[in-house]
Amino acid sequence: MAPGVRAVELGKGAAMIPGYKTVSLIDLVFQPQSNLPVSAMPNAMICHITEGELMVLQDGKEFQAKKNHVWTCAEGTKEGARNDASALAVMRIANLLTV
């Protein structure tokens, strides 16, 4: 994904949520001092920090996401994240997919 950032696919299944056909779960594992550049989100998603903390830049606004912080992104939201800490950080993403 980016230097020091890797994706781990956890699973995928059918969705019962109106407007979505599939859900997938992935972990983004951030090594210390790594970052994921800002990009447009391809789909709606729910994000959750399971380990460590990240600085998140979402549509031009920055916030600190500590362990257990949860937030959402709509399709097209511009978002990036960086791990300024000396410890690993993990962002779990529930992708809400229309296909």
C-alpha atoms as a PDB file:
ATOM      1  CA  MET A   1       0.000   0.000   0.000  1.00  0.00           C
ATOM      2  CA  ALA A   2       2.814   2.360   0.992  1.00  0.00           C
ATOM      3  CA  PRO A   3       6.271   1.913   2.528  1.00  0.00           C
ATOM      4  CA  GLY A   4       5.741   0.511   6.032  1.00  0.00           C
ATOM      5  CA  VAL A   5       1.989  -0.060   5.545  1.00  0.00           C
ATOM      6  CA  ARG A   6       0.530  -3.451   4.650  1.00  0.00           C
ATOM      7  CA  ALA A   7      -3.002  -4.772   4.246  1.00  0.00           C
ATOM      8  CA  VAL A   8      -4.138  -8.060   5.805  1.00  0.00           C
ATOM      9  CA  GLU A   9      -7.425  -9.405   4.424  1.00  0.00           C
ATOM     10  CA  LEU A  10      -9.524 -10.917   7.226  1.00  0.00           C
ATOM     11  CA  GLY A  11     -12.711 -12.011   5.450  1.00  0.00           C
ATOM     12  CA  LYS A  12     -15.587 -11.200   3.128  1.00  0.00           C
ATOM     13  CA  GLY A  13     -19.293 -12.009   3.081  1.00  0.00           C
ATOM     14  CA  ALA A  14     -22.761 -11.078   1.902  1.00  0.00           C
ATOM     15  CA  ALA A  15     -24.371  -7.950   3.379  1.00  0.00           C
ATOM     16  CA  MET A  16     -27.925  -7.573   4.672  1.00  0.00           C
ATOM     17  CA  ILE A  17     -27.569  -3.770   4.847  1.00  0.00           C
ATOM     18  CA  PRO A  18     -29.781  -2.066   2.248  1.00  0.00           C
ATOM     19  CA  GLY A  19     -27.711  -0.672  -0.629  1.00  0.00           C
ATOM     20  CA  TYR A  20     -24.731  -2.975  -0.035  1.00  0.00           C
ATOM     21  CA  LYS A  21     -24.111  -6.402  -1.502  1.00  0.00           C
ATOM     22  CA  THR A  22     -20.857  -7.375   0.227  1.00  0.00           C
ATOM     23  CA  VAL A  23     -18.785  -6.497   3.296  1.00  0.00           C
ATOM     24  CA  SER A  24     -15.082  -7.132   3.718  1.00  0.00           C
ATOM     25  CA  LEU A  25     -12.808  -6.773   6.718  1.00  0.00           C
ATOM     26  CA  ILE A  26      -9.136  -5.800   6.442  1.00  0.00           C
ATOM     27  CA  ASP A  27      -6.407  -4.620   8.796  1.00  0.00           C
ATOM     28  CA  LEU A  28      -3.963  -1.926   7.733  1.00  0.00           C
ATOM     29  CA  VAL A  29      -0.774  -2.436   9.722  1.00  0.00           C
ATOM     30  CA  PHE A  30       1.341   0.718  10.085  1.00  0.00           C
ATOM     31  CA  GLN A  31       4.973   0.396  11.101  1.00  0.00           C
ATOM     32  CA  PRO A  32       6.315   3.230  13.287  1.00  0.00           C
ATOM     33  CA  GLN A  33       6.828   6.475  11.355  1.00  0.00           C
ATOM     34  CA  SER A  34       4.953   5.185   8.263  1.00  0.00           C
ATOM     35  CA  ASN A  35       2.127   6.916   6.451  1.00  0.00           C
ATOM     36  CA  LEU A  36      -0.587   6.301   3.902  1.00  0.00           C
ATOM     37  CA  PRO A  37      -0.934   9.274   1.537  1.00  0.00           C
ATOM     38  CA  VAL A  38      -4.278  11.032   1.108  1.00  0.00           C
ATOM     39  CA  SER A  39      -6.508   9.399  -1.497  1.00  0.00           C
ATOM     40  CA  ALA A  40     -10.225   9.202  -2.320  1.00  0.00           C
ATOM     41  CA  MET A  41     -12.021   6.324  -0.606  1.00  0.00           C
ATOM     42  CA  PRO A  42     -13.397   3.856  -3.191  1.00  0.00           C
ATOM     43  CA  ASN A  43     -16.407   2.893  -1.034  1.00  0.00           C
ATOM     44  CA  ALA A  44     -18.130   3.567   2.281  1.00  0.00           C
ATOM     45  CA  MET A  45     -16.323   2.114   5.289  1.00  0.00           C
ATOM     46  CA  ILE A  46     -16.150   1.941   9.054  1.00  0.00           C
ATOM     47  CA  CYS A  47     -12.659   2.310  10.563  1.00  0.00           C
ATOM     48  CA  HIS A  48     -11.468   1.246  14.011  1.00  0.00           C
ATOM     49  CA  ILE A  49      -8.048   1.494  15.669  1.00  0.00           C
ATOM     50  CA  THR A  50      -7.308  -1.881  17.275  1.00  0.00           C
ATOM     51  CA  GLU A  51      -3.694  -1.150  18.288  1.00  0.00           C
ATOM     52  CA  GLY A  52      -1.637   2.009  18.741  1.00  0.00           C
ATOM     53  CA  GLU A  53      -2.781   5.362  17.395  1.00  0.00           C
ATOM     54  CA  LEU A  54      -2.791   7.239  14.105  1.00  0.00           C
ATOM     55  CA  MET A  55      -3.081  10.822  12.974  1.00  0.00           C
ATOM     56  CA  VAL A  56      -5.842  10.866  10.356  1.00  0.00           C
ATOM     57  CA  LEU A  57      -6.360  13.590   7.761  1.00  0.00           C
ATOM     58  CA  GLN A  58      -9.946  13.410   6.468  1.00  0.00           C
ATOM     59  CA  ASP A  59     -11.225  15.957   3.953  1.00  0.00           C
ATOM     60  CA  GLY A  60      -8.647  18.499   5.159  1.00  0.00           C
ATOM     61  CA  LYS A  61      -9.299  18.055   8.895  1.00  0.00           C
ATOM     62  CA  GLU A  62      -6.828  16.211  11.103  1.00  0.00           C
ATOM     63  CA  PHE A  63      -7.699  14.162  14.184  1.00  0.00           C
ATOM     64  CA  GLN A  64      -5.908  11.746  16.473  1.00  0.00           C
ATOM     65  CA  ALA A  65      -7.351   8.233  16.435  1.00  0.00           C
ATOM     66  CA  LYS A  66      -6.298   6.360  19.581  1.00  0.00           C
ATOM     67  CA  LYS A  67      -6.970   2.698  20.363  1.00  0.00           C
ATOM     68  CA  ASN A  68     -10.706   1.864  20.055  1.00  0.00           C
ATOM     69  CA  HIS A  69     -11.539   5.090  18.163  1.00  0.00           C
ATOM     70  CA  VAL A  70     -14.199   4.453  15.472  1.00  0.00           C
ATOM     71  CA  TRP A  71     -15.117   6.669  12.495  1.00  0.00           C
ATOM     72  CA  THR A  72     -16.670   6.413   9.057  1.00  0.00           C
ATOM     73  CA  CYS A  73     -15.850   7.413   5.493  1.00  0.00           C
ATOM     74  CA  ALA A  74     -18.211   7.894   2.588  1.00  0.00           C
ATOM     75  CA  GLU A  75     -17.302   6.953  -0.967  1.00  0.00           C
ATOM     76  CA  GLY A  76     -15.080   9.757  -2.295  1.00  0.00           C
ATOM     77  CA  THR A  77     -13.929  10.984   1.144  1.00  0.00           C
ATOM     78  CA  LYS A  78     -10.285  12.050   0.905  1.00  0.00           C
ATOM     79  CA  GLU A  79      -8.289  10.465   3.708  1.00  0.00           C
ATOM     80  CA  GLY A  80      -4.732   9.641   4.713  1.00  0.00           C
ATOM     81  CA  ALA A  81      -3.116   8.437   7.944  1.00  0.00           C
ATOM     82  CA  ARG A  82       0.282   8.430   9.587  1.00  0.00           C
ATOM     83  CA  ASN A  83       1.848   6.655  12.542  1.00  0.00           C
ATOM     84  CA  ASP A  84       4.013   9.209  14.367  1.00  0.00           C
ATOM     85  CA  ALA A  85       4.636   6.817  17.278  1.00  0.00           C
ATOM     86  CA  SER A  86       7.451   4.351  17.928  1.00  0.00           C
ATOM     87  CA  ALA A  87       4.975   1.443  18.139  1.00  0.00           C
ATOM     88  CA  LEU A  88       2.914  -0.463  15.581  1.00  0.00           C
ATOM     89  CA  ALA A  89      -0.615   0.789  14.791  1.00  0.00           C
ATOM     90  CA  VAL A  90      -3.493  -1.206  13.283  1.00  0.00           C
ATOM     91  CA  MET A  91      -6.566   0.239  11.557  1.00  0.00           C
ATOM     92  CA  ARG A  92      -9.365  -2.296  11.008  1.00  0.00           C
ATOM     93  CA  ILE A  93     -11.645  -1.420   8.094  1.00  0.00           C
ATOM     94  CA  ALA A  94     -15.116  -2.773   7.412  1.00  0.00           C
ATOM     95  CA  ASN A  95     -15.682  -2.079   3.706  1.00  0.00           C
ATOM     96  CA  LEU A  96     -19.311  -1.638   2.665  1.00  0.00           C
ATOM     97  CA  LEU A  97     -19.425  -2.721  -0.981  1.00  0.00           C
ATOM     98  CA  THR A  98     -22.130  -2.375  -3.615  1.00  0.00           C
ATOM     99  CA  VAL A  99     -20.714  -5.294  -5.647  1.00  0.00           C
END
